[in-house]
PDB file of all heavy atoms in Angstrom:
ATOM      1  N   LYS A   1       8.226  12.059  13.354  1.00  0.00           N
ATOM      2  CA  LYS A   1       7.569  11.341  12.273  1.00  0.00           C
ATOM      3  C   LYS A   1       8.377  10.106  11.897  1.00  0.00           C
ATOM      4  O   LYS A   1       9.584  10.054  12.117  1.00  0.00           O
ATOM      5  CB  LYS A   1       7.366  12.237  11.051  1.00  0.00           C
ATOM      6  CG  LYS A   1       8.634  12.779  10.451  1.00  0.00           C
ATOM      7  CD  LYS A   1       8.341  13.723   9.280  1.00  0.00           C
ATOM      8  CE  LYS A   1       7.659  13.007   8.142  1.00  0.00           C
ATOM      9  NZ  LYS A   1       7.455  13.889   6.967  1.00  0.00           N
ATOM     10  N   SER A   2       7.670   9.115  11.296  1.00  0.00           N
ATOM     11  CA  SER A   2       8.350   7.859  10.994  1.00  0.00           C
ATOM     12  C   SER A   2       7.738   7.157   9.791  1.00  0.00           C
ATOM     13  O   SER A   2       6.528   6.915   9.753  1.00  0.00           O
ATOM     14  CB  SER A   2       8.296   6.927  12.215  1.00  0.00           C
ATOM     15  OG  SER A   2       8.717   5.619  11.875  1.00  0.00           O
ATOM     16  N   PHE A   3       8.589   6.812   8.809  1.00  0.00           N
ATOM     17  CA  PHE A   3       8.143   5.995   7.677  1.00  0.00           C
ATOM     18  C   PHE A   3       7.877   4.566   8.122  1.00  0.00           C
ATOM     19  O   PHE A   3       7.039   3.878   7.543  1.00  0.00           O
ATOM     20  CB  PHE A   3       9.202   6.011   6.568  1.00  0.00           C
ATOM     21  CG  PHE A   3       9.235   7.290   5.791  1.00  0.00           C
ATOM     22  CD1 PHE A   3      10.196   8.257   6.056  1.00  0.00           C
ATOM     23  CD2 PHE A   3       8.296   7.543   4.802  1.00  0.00           C
ATOM     24  CE1 PHE A   3      10.228   9.442   5.344  1.00  0.00           C
ATOM     25  CE2 PHE A   3       8.321   8.722   4.083  1.00  0.00           C
ATOM     26  CZ  PHE A   3       9.287   9.679   4.346  1.00  0.00           C
ATOM     27  N   LEU A   4       8.589   4.123   9.127  1.00  0.00           N
ATOM     28  CA  LEU A   4       8.340   2.785   9.669  1.00  0.00           C
ATOM     29  C   LEU A   4       6.898   2.669  10.163  1.00  0.00           C
ATOM     30  O   LEU A   4       6.246   1.636   9.977  1.00  0.00           O
ATOM     31  CB  LEU A   4       9.312   2.493  10.822  1.00  0.00           C
ATOM     32  CG  LEU A   4      10.770   2.241  10.431  1.00  0.00           C
ATOM     33  CD1 LEU A   4      11.670   2.324  11.649  1.00  0.00           C
ATOM     34  CD2 LEU A   4      10.916   0.891   9.747  1.00  0.00           C
ATOM     35  N   GLY A   5       6.401   3.754  10.770  1.00  0.00           N
ATOM     36  CA  GLY A   5       5.024   3.751  11.259  1.00  0.00           C
ATOM     37  C   GLY A   5       4.024   3.567  10.141  1.00  0.00           C
ATOM     38  O   GLY A   5       3.008   2.885  10.284  1.00  0.00           O
ATOM     39  N   GLY A   6       4.309   4.172   8.958  1.00  0.00           N
ATOM     40  CA  GLY A   6       3.429   4.019   7.807  1.00  0.00           C
ATOM     41  C   GLY A   6       3.375   2.589   7.318  1.00  0.00           C
ATOM     42  O   GLY A   6       2.312   2.082   6.927  1.00  0.00           O
ATOM     43  N   ILE A   7       4.515   1.899   7.351  1.00  0.00           N
ATOM     44  CA  ILE A   7       4.553   0.497   6.930  1.00  0.00           C
ATOM     45  C   ILE A   7       3.797  -0.374   7.920  1.00  0.00           C
ATOM     46  O   ILE A   7       3.024  -1.260   7.542  1.00  0.00           O
ATOM     47  CB  ILE A   7       6.018   0.020   6.785  1.00  0.00           C
ATOM     48  CG1 ILE A   7       6.687   0.766   5.641  1.00  0.00           C
ATOM     49  CG2 ILE A   7       6.079  -1.492   6.567  1.00  0.00           C
ATOM     50  CD1 ILE A   7       8.156   0.451   5.460  1.00  0.00           C
ATOM     51  N   GLY A   8       3.977  -0.100   9.214  1.00  0.00           N
ATOM     52  CA  GLY A   8       3.238  -0.857  10.239  1.00  0.00           C
ATOM     53  C   GLY A   8       1.742  -0.683  10.091  1.00  0.00           C
ATOM     54  O   GLY A   8       0.976  -1.649  10.224  1.00  0.00           O
ATOM     55  N   SER A   9       1.317   0.537   9.789  1.00  0.00           N
ATOM     56  CA  SER A   9      -0.109   0.820   9.597  1.00  0.00           C
ATOM     57  C   SER A   9      -0.664   0.039   8.413  1.00  0.00           C
ATOM     58  O   SER A   9      -1.774  -0.515   8.476  1.00  0.00           O
ATOM     59  CB  SER A   9      -0.306   2.325   9.379  1.00  0.00           C
ATOM     60  OG  SER A   9      -1.652   2.624   9.077  1.00  0.00           O
ATOM     61  N   PHE A  10       0.103  -0.039   7.313  1.00  0.00           N
ATOM     62  CA  PHE A  10      -0.358  -0.804   6.148  1.00  0.00           C
ATOM     63  C   PHE A  10      -0.458  -2.290   6.464  1.00  0.00           C
ATOM     64  O   PHE A  10      -1.453  -2.946   6.115  1.00  0.00           O
ATOM     65  CB  PHE A  10       0.590  -0.596   4.964  1.00  0.00           C
ATOM     66  CG  PHE A  10       0.285  -1.517   3.818  1.00  0.00           C
ATOM     67  CD1 PHE A  10      -0.731  -1.213   2.919  1.00  0.00           C
ATOM     68  CD2 PHE A  10       0.976  -2.709   3.655  1.00  0.00           C
ATOM     69  CE1 PHE A  10      -1.047  -2.076   1.880  1.00  0.00           C
ATOM     70  CE2 PHE A  10       0.669  -3.581   2.614  1.00  0.00           C
ATOM     71  CZ  PHE A  10      -0.345  -3.253   1.727  1.00  0.00           C
ATOM     72  N   LEU A  11       0.565  -2.848   7.082  1.00  0.00           N
ATOM     73  CA  LEU A  11       0.564  -4.280   7.394  1.00  0.00           C
ATOM     74  C   LEU A  11      -0.620  -4.646   8.279  1.00  0.00           C
ATOM     75  O   LEU A  11      -1.227  -5.718   8.126  1.00  0.00           O
ATOM     76  CB  LEU A  11       1.877  -4.671   8.078  1.00  0.00           C
ATOM     77  CG  LEU A  11       3.139  -4.542   7.217  1.00  0.00           C
ATOM     78  CD1 LEU A  11       4.379  -4.790   8.067  1.00  0.00           C
ATOM     79  CD2 LEU A  11       3.100  -5.512   6.041  1.00  0.00           C
ATOM     80  N   GLU A  12      -0.967  -3.760   9.191  1.00  0.00           N
ATOM     81  CA  GLU A  12      -2.129  -3.970  10.069  1.00  0.00           C
ATOM     82  C   GLU A  12      -3.413  -3.939   9.252  1.00  0.00           C
ATOM     83  O   GLU A  12      -4.287  -4.799   9.393  1.00  0.00           O
ATOM     84  CB  GLU A  12      -2.159  -2.880  11.135  1.00  0.00           C
ATOM     85  CG  GLU A  12      -3.186  -3.080  12.234  1.00  0.00           C
ATOM     86  CD  GLU A  12      -2.771  -4.120  13.254  1.00  0.00           C
ATOM     87  OE1 GLU A  12      -1.596  -4.130  13.664  1.00  0.00           O
ATOM     88  OE2 GLU A  12      -3.637  -4.944  13.618  1.00  0.00           O
ATOM     89  N   ALA A  13      -3.534  -2.929   8.371  1.00  0.00           N
ATOM     90  CA  ALA A  13      -4.749  -2.775   7.570  1.00  0.00           C
ATOM     91  C   ALA A  13      -4.937  -3.931   6.603  1.00  0.00           C
ATOM     92  O   ALA A  13      -6.077  -4.361   6.342  1.00  0.00           O
ATOM     93  CB  ALA A  13      -4.694  -1.446   6.798  1.00  0.00           C
ATOM     94  N   TRP A  14      -3.849  -4.479   6.060  1.00  0.00           N
ATOM     95  CA  TRP A  14      -3.917  -5.554   5.065  1.00  0.00           C
ATOM     96  C   TRP A  14      -4.636  -6.796   5.605  1.00  0.00           C
ATOM     97  O   TRP A  14      -5.186  -7.592   4.843  1.00  0.00           O
ATOM     98  CB  TRP A  14      -2.511  -5.917   4.601  1.00  0.00           C
ATOM     99  CG  TRP A  14      -2.478  -6.916   3.475  1.00  0.00           C
ATOM    100  CD1 TRP A  14      -2.316  -8.265   3.583  1.00  0.00           C
ATOM    101  CD2 TRP A  14      -2.626  -6.636   2.083  1.00  0.00           C
ATOM    102  NE1 TRP A  14      -2.347  -8.847   2.334  1.00  0.00           N
ATOM    103  CE2 TRP A  14      -2.541  -7.874   1.398  1.00  0.00           C
ATOM    104  CE3 TRP A  14      -2.821  -5.474   1.351  1.00  0.00           C
ATOM    105  CZ2 TRP A  14      -2.634  -7.965   0.009  1.00  0.00           C
ATOM    106  CZ3 TRP A  14      -2.923  -5.571  -0.027  1.00  0.00           C
ATOM    107  CH2 TRP A  14      -2.838  -6.798  -0.686  1.00  0.00           C
ATOM    108  N   GLN A  15      -4.664  -6.941   6.905  1.00  0.00           N
ATOM    109  CA  GLN A  15      -5.325  -8.101   7.511  1.00  0.00           C
ATOM    110  C   GLN A  15      -6.848  -7.987   7.517  1.00  0.00           C
ATOM    111  O   GLN A  15      -7.550  -8.915   7.913  1.00  0.00           O
ATOM    112  CB  GLN A  15      -4.835  -8.296   8.958  1.00  0.00           C
ATOM    113  CG  GLN A  15      -3.347  -8.551   9.061  1.00  0.00           C
ATOM    114  CD  GLN A  15      -2.897  -8.667  10.507  1.00  0.00           C
ATOM    115  OE1 GLN A  15      -2.738  -9.759  11.043  1.00  0.00           O
ATOM    116  NE2 GLN A  15      -2.689  -7.533  11.149  1.00  0.00           N
ATOM    117  N   GLY A  16      -7.366  -6.850   7.054  1.00  0.00           N
ATOM    118  CA  GLY A  16      -8.803  -6.627   7.029  1.00  0.00           C
ATOM    119  C   GLY A  16      -9.520  -7.530   6.047  1.00  0.00           C
ATOM    120  O   GLY A  16      -8.909  -8.294   5.287  1.00  0.00           O
ATOM    121  N   GLY A  17     -10.845  -7.422   6.034  1.00  0.00           N
ATOM    122  CA  GLY A  17     -11.667  -8.279   5.194  1.00  0.00           C
ATOM    123  C   GLY A  17     -11.593  -7.934   3.719  1.00  0.00           C
ATOM    124  O   GLY A  17     -11.076  -6.889   3.321  1.00  0.00           O
ATOM    125  N   ASP A  18     -12.143  -8.835   2.895  1.00  0.00           N
ATOM    126  CA  ASP A  18     -12.134  -8.651   1.445  1.00  0.00           C
ATOM    127  C   ASP A  18     -13.403  -7.989   0.925  1.00  0.00           C
ATOM    128  O   ASP A  18     -13.382  -7.367  -0.145  1.00  0.00           O
ATOM    129  CB  ASP A  18     -11.963 -10.003   0.740  1.00  0.00           C
ATOM    130  CG  ASP A  18     -10.527 -10.505   0.793  1.00  0.00           C
ATOM    131  OD1 ASP A  18      -9.611  -9.665   0.724  1.00  0.00           O
ATOM    132  OD2 ASP A  18     -10.323 -11.726   0.912  1.00  0.00           O
ATOM    133  N   GLU A  19     -14.513  -8.116   1.660  1.00  0.00           N
ATOM    134  CA  GLU A  19     -15.779  -7.592   1.167  1.00  0.00           C
ATOM    135  C   GLU A  19     -15.712  -6.069   1.013  1.00  0.00           C
ATOM    136  O   GLU A  19     -15.438  -5.339   1.966  1.00  0.00           O
ATOM    137  CB  GLU A  19     -16.917  -7.951   2.117  1.00  0.00           C
ATOM    138  CG  GLU A  19     -18.276  -7.488   1.606  1.00  0.00           C
ATOM    139  CD  GLU A  19     -19.423  -7.831   2.542  1.00  0.00           C
ATOM    140  OE1 GLU A  19     -19.176  -8.511   3.561  1.00  0.00           O
ATOM    141  OE2 GLU A  19     -20.551  -7.408   2.263  1.00  0.00           O
ATOM    142  N   GLY A  20     -15.952  -5.598  -0.209  1.00  0.00           N
ATOM    143  CA  GLY A  20     -15.929  -4.166  -0.467  1.00  0.00           C
ATOM    144  C   GLY A  20     -14.550  -3.597  -0.698  1.00  0.00           C
ATOM    145  O   GLY A  20     -14.389  -2.382  -0.807  1.00  0.00           O
ATOM    146  N   PHE A  21     -13.524  -4.470  -0.783  1.00  0.00           N
ATOM    147  CA  PHE A  21     -12.148  -4.011  -0.971  1.00  0.00           C
ATOM    148  C   PHE A  21     -11.507  -4.691  -2.182  1.00  0.00           C
ATOM    149  O   PHE A  21     -11.903  -5.794  -2.568  1.00  0.00           O
ATOM    150  CB  PHE A  21     -11.290  -4.312   0.262  1.00  0.00           C
ATOM    151  CG  PHE A  21     -11.561  -3.398   1.420  1.00  0.00           C
ATOM    152  CD1 PHE A  21     -12.625  -3.635   2.276  1.00  0.00           C
ATOM    153  CD2 PHE A  21     -10.745  -2.303   1.664  1.00  0.00           C
ATOM    154  CE1 PHE A  21     -12.876  -2.800   3.351  1.00  0.00           C
ATOM    155  CE2 PHE A  21     -10.992  -1.460   2.737  1.00  0.00           C
ATOM    156  CZ  PHE A  21     -12.053  -1.702   3.588  1.00  0.00           C
ATOM    157  N   ALA A  22     -10.519  -4.038  -2.777  1.00  0.00           N
ATOM    158  CA  ALA A  22      -9.696  -4.630  -3.832  1.00  0.00           C
ATOM    159  C   ALA A  22      -8.242  -4.551  -3.390  1.00  0.00           C
ATOM    160  O   ALA A  22      -7.820  -3.582  -2.755  1.00  0.00           O
ATOM    161  CB  ALA A  22      -9.887  -3.887  -5.147  1.00  0.00           C
ATOM    162  N   ARG A  23      -7.500  -5.605  -3.721  1.00  0.00           N
ATOM    163  CA  ARG A  23      -6.072  -5.647  -3.400  1.00  0.00           C
ATOM    164  C   ARG A  23      -5.317  -5.643  -4.728  1.00  0.00           C
ATOM    165  O   ARG A  23      -5.433  -6.579  -5.525  1.00  0.00           O
ATOM    166  CB  ARG A  23      -5.740  -6.889  -2.570  1.00  0.00           C
ATOM    167  CG  ARG A  23      -6.518  -6.938  -1.249  1.00  0.00           C
ATOM    168  CD  ARG A  23      -6.315  -8.268  -0.525  1.00  0.00           C
ATOM    169  NE  ARG A  23      -7.257  -8.442   0.565  1.00  0.00           N
ATOM    170  CZ  ARG A  23      -7.045  -8.083   1.825  1.00  0.00           C
ATOM    171  NH1 ARG A  23      -5.897  -7.528   2.159  1.00  0.00           N
ATOM    172  NH2 ARG A  23      -7.967  -8.270   2.754  1.00  0.00           N
ATOM    173  N   ILE A  24      -4.561  -4.575  -4.961  1.00  0.00           N
ATOM    174  CA  ILE A  24      -3.937  -4.356  -6.267  1.00  0.00           C
ATOM    175  C   ILE A  24      -2.481  -3.947  -6.080  1.00  0.00           C
ATOM    176  O   ILE A  24      -2.155  -3.151  -5.197  1.00  0.00           O
ATOM    177  CB  ILE A  24      -4.674  -3.239  -7.037  1.00  0.00           C
ATOM    178  CG1 ILE A  24      -6.135  -3.633  -7.288  1.00  0.00           C
ATOM    179  CG2 ILE A  24      -3.981  -2.913  -8.356  1.00  0.00           C
ATOM    180  CD1 ILE A  24      -6.992  -2.498  -7.823  1.00  0.00           C
ATOM    181  N   ILE A  25      -1.617  -4.496  -6.933  1.00  0.00           N
ATOM    182  CA  ILE A  25      -0.249  -4.001  -7.011  1.00  0.00           C
ATOM    183  C   ILE A  25      -0.110  -3.266  -8.334  1.00  0.00           C
ATOM    184  O   ILE A  25      -0.622  -3.715  -9.363  1.00  0.00           O
ATOM    185  CB  ILE A  25       0.804  -5.131  -6.882  1.00  0.00           C
ATOM    186  CG1 ILE A  25       2.202  -4.507  -6.747  1.00  0.00           C
ATOM    187  CG2 ILE A  25       0.730  -6.126  -8.031  1.00  0.00           C
ATOM    188  CD1 ILE A  25       3.259  -5.477  -6.271  1.00  0.00           C
ATOM    189  N   SER A  26       0.525  -2.103  -8.313  1.00  0.00           N
ATOM    190  CA  SER A  26       0.628  -1.286  -9.520  1.00  0.00           C
ATOM    191  C   SER A  26       2.012  -0.677  -9.627  1.00  0.00           C
ATOM    192  O   SER A  26       2.778  -0.610  -8.658  1.00  0.00           O
ATOM    193  CB  SER A  26      -0.423  -0.175  -9.499  1.00  0.00           C
ATOM    194  OG  SER A  26      -0.162   0.739  -8.456  1.00  0.00           O
ATOM    195  N   GLU A  27       2.332  -0.249 -10.842  1.00  0.00           N
ATOM    196  CA  GLU A  27       3.601   0.445 -11.085  1.00  0.00           C
ATOM    197  C   GLU A  27       3.310   1.768 -11.765  1.00  0.00           C
ATOM    198  O   GLU A  27       2.560   1.825 -12.738  1.00  0.00           O
ATOM    199  CB  GLU A  27       4.526  -0.397 -11.969  1.00  0.00           C
ATOM    200  CG  GLU A  27       5.888   0.257 -12.183  1.00  0.00           C
ATOM    201  CD  GLU A  27       6.814  -0.582 -13.053  1.00  0.00           C
ATOM    202  OE1 GLU A  27       6.403  -0.932 -14.183  1.00  0.00           O
ATOM    203  OE2 GLU A  27       7.925  -0.894 -12.595  1.00  0.00           O
ATOM    204  N   GLN A  28       3.893   2.828 -11.233  1.00  0.00           N
ATOM    205  CA  GLN A  28       3.713   4.154 -11.810  1.00  0.00           C
ATOM    206  C   GLN A  28       5.041   4.885 -11.822  1.00  0.00           C
ATOM    207  O   GLN A  28       5.929   4.609 -11.000  1.00  0.00           O
ATOM    208  CB  GLN A  28       2.684   4.959 -11.007  1.00  0.00           C
ATOM    209  CG  GLN A  28       1.273   4.411 -11.076  1.00  0.00           C
ATOM    210  CD  GLN A  28       0.307   5.219 -10.247  1.00  0.00           C
ATOM    211  OE1 GLN A  28       0.672   5.739  -9.198  1.00  0.00           O
ATOM    212  NE2 GLN A  28      -0.930   5.333 -10.707  1.00  0.00           N
ATOM    213  N   ASN A  29       5.169   5.822 -12.731  1.00  0.00           N
ATOM    214  CA  ASN A  29       6.376   6.639 -12.782  1.00  0.00           C
ATOM    215  C   ASN A  29       6.281   7.738 -11.738  1.00  0.00           C
ATOM    216  O   ASN A  29       5.368   8.557 -11.774  1.00  0.00           O
ATOM    217  CB  ASN A  29       6.566   7.246 -14.171  1.00  0.00           C
ATOM    218  CG  ASN A  29       7.004   6.210 -15.187  1.00  0.00           C
ATOM    219  OD1 ASN A  29       7.811   5.331 -14.873  1.00  0.00           O
ATOM    220  ND2 ASN A  29       6.474   6.301 -16.402  1.00  0.00           N
ATOM    221  N   GLY A  30       7.200   7.701 -10.799  1.00  0.00           N
ATOM    222  CA  GLY A  30       7.233   8.706  -9.752  1.00  0.00           C
ATOM    223  C   GLY A  30       8.340   9.706  -9.989  1.00  0.00           C
ATOM    224  O   GLY A  30       8.995   9.710 -11.045  1.00  0.00           O
ATOM    225  N   LYS A  31       8.560  10.558  -9.008  1.00  0.00           N
ATOM    226  CA  LYS A  31       9.576  11.606  -9.104  1.00  0.00           C
ATOM    227  C   LYS A  31      10.977  11.011  -9.266  1.00  0.00           C
ATOM    228  O   LYS A  31      11.848  11.597  -9.915  1.00  0.00           O
ATOM    229  CB  LYS A  31       9.510  12.475  -7.843  1.00  0.00           C
ATOM    230  CG  LYS A  31      10.379  13.709  -7.891  1.00  0.00           C
ATOM    231  CD  LYS A  31      10.175  14.561  -6.645  1.00  0.00           C
ATOM    232  CE  LYS A  31      11.041  15.813  -6.701  1.00  0.00           C
ATOM    233  NZ  LYS A  31      10.861  16.655  -5.483  1.00  0.00           N
ATOM    234  N   PHE A  32      11.168   9.815  -8.672  1.00  0.00           N
ATOM    235  CA  PHE A  32      12.494   9.199  -8.709  1.00  0.00           C
ATOM    236  C   PHE A  32      12.487   7.917  -9.546  1.00  0.00           C
ATOM    237  O   PHE A  32      13.211   6.974  -9.271  1.00  0.00           O
ATOM    238  CB  PHE A  32      12.971   8.902  -7.282  1.00  0.00           C
ATOM    239  CG  PHE A  32      12.993  10.118  -6.394  1.00  0.00           C
ATOM    240  CD1 PHE A  32      12.006  10.311  -5.440  1.00  0.00           C
ATOM    241  CD2 PHE A  32      13.985  11.068  -6.525  1.00  0.00           C
ATOM    242  CE1 PHE A  32      12.017  11.435  -4.622  1.00  0.00           C
ATOM    243  CE2 PHE A  32      14.007  12.192  -5.712  1.00  0.00           C
ATOM    244  CZ  PHE A  32      13.015  12.375  -4.764  1.00  0.00           C
ATOM    245  N   GLY A  33      11.641   7.884 -10.569  1.00  0.00           N
ATOM    246  CA  GLY A  33      11.596   6.725 -11.453  1.00  0.00           C
ATOM    247  C   GLY A  33      10.408   5.827 -11.154  1.00  0.00           C
ATOM    248  O   GLY A  33       9.515   6.170 -10.373  1.00  0.00           O
ATOM    249  N   PRO A  34      10.350   4.626 -11.782  1.00  0.00           N
ATOM    250  CA  PRO A  34       9.237   3.689 -11.581  1.00  0.00           C
ATOM    251  C   PRO A  34       9.091   3.303 -10.108  1.00  0.00           C
ATOM    252  O   PRO A  34      10.093   3.081  -9.418  1.00  0.00           O
ATOM    253  CB  PRO A  34       9.632   2.479 -12.441  1.00  0.00           C
ATOM    254  CG  PRO A  34      10.587   3.026 -13.451  1.00  0.00           C
ATOM    255  CD  PRO A  34      11.332   4.112 -12.746  1.00  0.00           C
ATOM    256  N   GLN A  35       7.856   3.237  -9.660  1.00  0.00           N
ATOM    257  CA  GLN A  35       7.587   2.926  -8.251  1.00  0.00           C
ATOM    258  C   GLN A  35       6.464   1.907  -8.143  1.00  0.00           C
ATOM    259  O   GLN A  35       5.414   2.061  -8.769  1.00  0.00           O
ATOM    260  CB  GLN A  35       7.200   4.210  -7.511  1.00  0.00           C
ATOM    261  CG  GLN A  35       6.876   4.003  -6.038  1.00  0.00           C
ATOM    262  CD  GLN A  35       6.624   5.323  -5.323  1.00  0.00           C
ATOM    263  OE1 GLN A  35       7.533   6.111  -5.124  1.00  0.00           O
ATOM    264  NE2 GLN A  35       5.385   5.559  -4.944  1.00  0.00           N
ATOM    265  N   LEU A  36       6.679   0.884  -7.346  1.00  0.00           N
ATOM    266  CA  LEU A  36       5.666  -0.136  -7.097  1.00  0.00           C
ATOM    267  C   LEU A  36       4.846   0.248  -5.873  1.00  0.00           C
ATOM    268  O   LEU A  36       5.385   0.762  -4.886  1.00  0.00           O
ATOM    269  CB  LEU A  36       6.310  -1.502  -6.863  1.00  0.00           C
ATOM    270  CG  LEU A  36       6.982  -2.170  -8.062  1.00  0.00           C
ATOM    271  CD1 LEU A  36       7.671  -3.453  -7.624  1.00  0.00           C
ATOM    272  CD2 LEU A  36       5.962  -2.452  -9.159  1.00  0.00           C
ATOM    273  N   SER A  37       3.537  -0.003  -5.935  1.00  0.00           N
ATOM    274  CA  SER A  37       2.659   0.269  -4.799  1.00  0.00           C
ATOM    275  C   SER A  37       1.691  -0.892  -4.634  1.00  0.00           C
ATOM    276  O   SER A  37       1.099  -1.363  -5.616  1.00  0.00           O
ATOM    277  CB  SER A  37       1.875   1.564  -5.001  1.00  0.00           C
ATOM    278  OG  SER A  37       2.737   2.679  -5.034  1.00  0.00           O
ATOM    279  N   LEU A  38       1.522  -1.328  -3.407  1.00  0.00           N
ATOM    280  CA  LEU A  38       0.545  -2.359  -3.070  1.00  0.00           C
ATOM    281  C   LEU A  38      -0.615  -1.666  -2.369  1.00  0.00           C
ATOM    282  O   LEU A  38      -0.422  -0.983  -1.361  1.00  0.00           O
ATOM    283  CB  LEU A  38       1.181  -3.410  -2.152  1.00  0.00           C
ATOM    284  CG  LEU A  38       0.326  -4.622  -1.773  1.00  0.00           C
ATOM    285  CD1 LEU A  38      -0.119  -5.390  -3.014  1.00  0.00           C
ATOM    286  CD2 LEU A  38       1.096  -5.535  -0.829  1.00  0.00           C
ATOM    287  N   HIS A  39      -1.819  -1.814  -2.915  1.00  0.00           N
ATOM    288  CA  HIS A  39      -2.979  -1.070  -2.421  1.00  0.00           C
ATOM    289  C   HIS A  39      -4.010  -2.000  -1.781  1.00  0.00           C
ATOM    290  O   HIS A  39      -4.326  -3.061  -2.327  1.00  0.00           O
ATOM    291  CB  HIS A  39      -3.669  -0.313  -3.562  1.00  0.00           C
ATOM    292  CG  HIS A  39      -2.760   0.579  -4.340  1.00  0.00           C
ATOM    293  ND1 HIS A  39      -2.488   1.871  -3.959  1.00  0.00           N
ATOM    294  CD2 HIS A  39      -2.072   0.366  -5.484  1.00  0.00           C
ATOM    295  CE1 HIS A  39      -1.651   2.421  -4.828  1.00  0.00           C
ATOM    296  NE2 HIS A  39      -1.390   1.527  -5.771  1.00  0.00           N
ATOM    297  N   TYR A  40      -4.522  -1.571  -0.648  1.00  0.00           N
ATOM    298  CA  TYR A  40      -5.708  -2.181  -0.033  1.00  0.00           C
ATOM    299  C   TYR A  40      -6.788  -1.117  -0.152  1.00  0.00           C
ATOM    300  O   TYR A  40      -6.878  -0.215   0.676  1.00  0.00           O
ATOM    301  CB  TYR A  40      -5.420  -2.550   1.423  1.00  0.00           C
ATOM    302  CG  TYR A  40      -6.583  -3.164   2.164  1.00  0.00           C
ATOM    303  CD1 TYR A  40      -7.211  -4.311   1.705  1.00  0.00           C
ATOM    304  CD2 TYR A  40      -7.053  -2.602   3.353  1.00  0.00           C
ATOM    305  CE1 TYR A  40      -8.266  -4.883   2.393  1.00  0.00           C
ATOM    306  CE2 TYR A  40      -8.107  -3.162   4.044  1.00  0.00           C
ATOM    307  CZ  TYR A  40      -8.710  -4.306   3.563  1.00  0.00           C
ATOM    308  OH  TYR A  40      -9.771  -4.880   4.247  1.00  0.00           O
ATOM    309  N   SER A  41      -7.549  -1.194  -1.245  1.00  0.00           N
ATOM    310  CA  SER A  41      -8.434  -0.089  -1.622  1.00  0.00           C
ATOM    311  C   SER A  41      -9.892  -0.397  -1.352  1.00  0.00           C
ATOM    312  O   SER A  41     -10.420  -1.412  -1.828  1.00  0.00           O
ATOM    313  CB  SER A  41      -8.253   0.226  -3.112  1.00  0.00           C
ATOM    314  OG  SER A  41      -6.925   0.586  -3.384  1.00  0.00           O
TER     315      SER A  41
END
């Protein structure tokens, strides 16, 4: 397993179209404190 693979998958997906999608950055409290997430939703 690889976390690097997860990042590569996101970077690939981010190049997709905008129609029907929202691009959001958010901050939430996680198990190890505040965590930033960039979403292609």
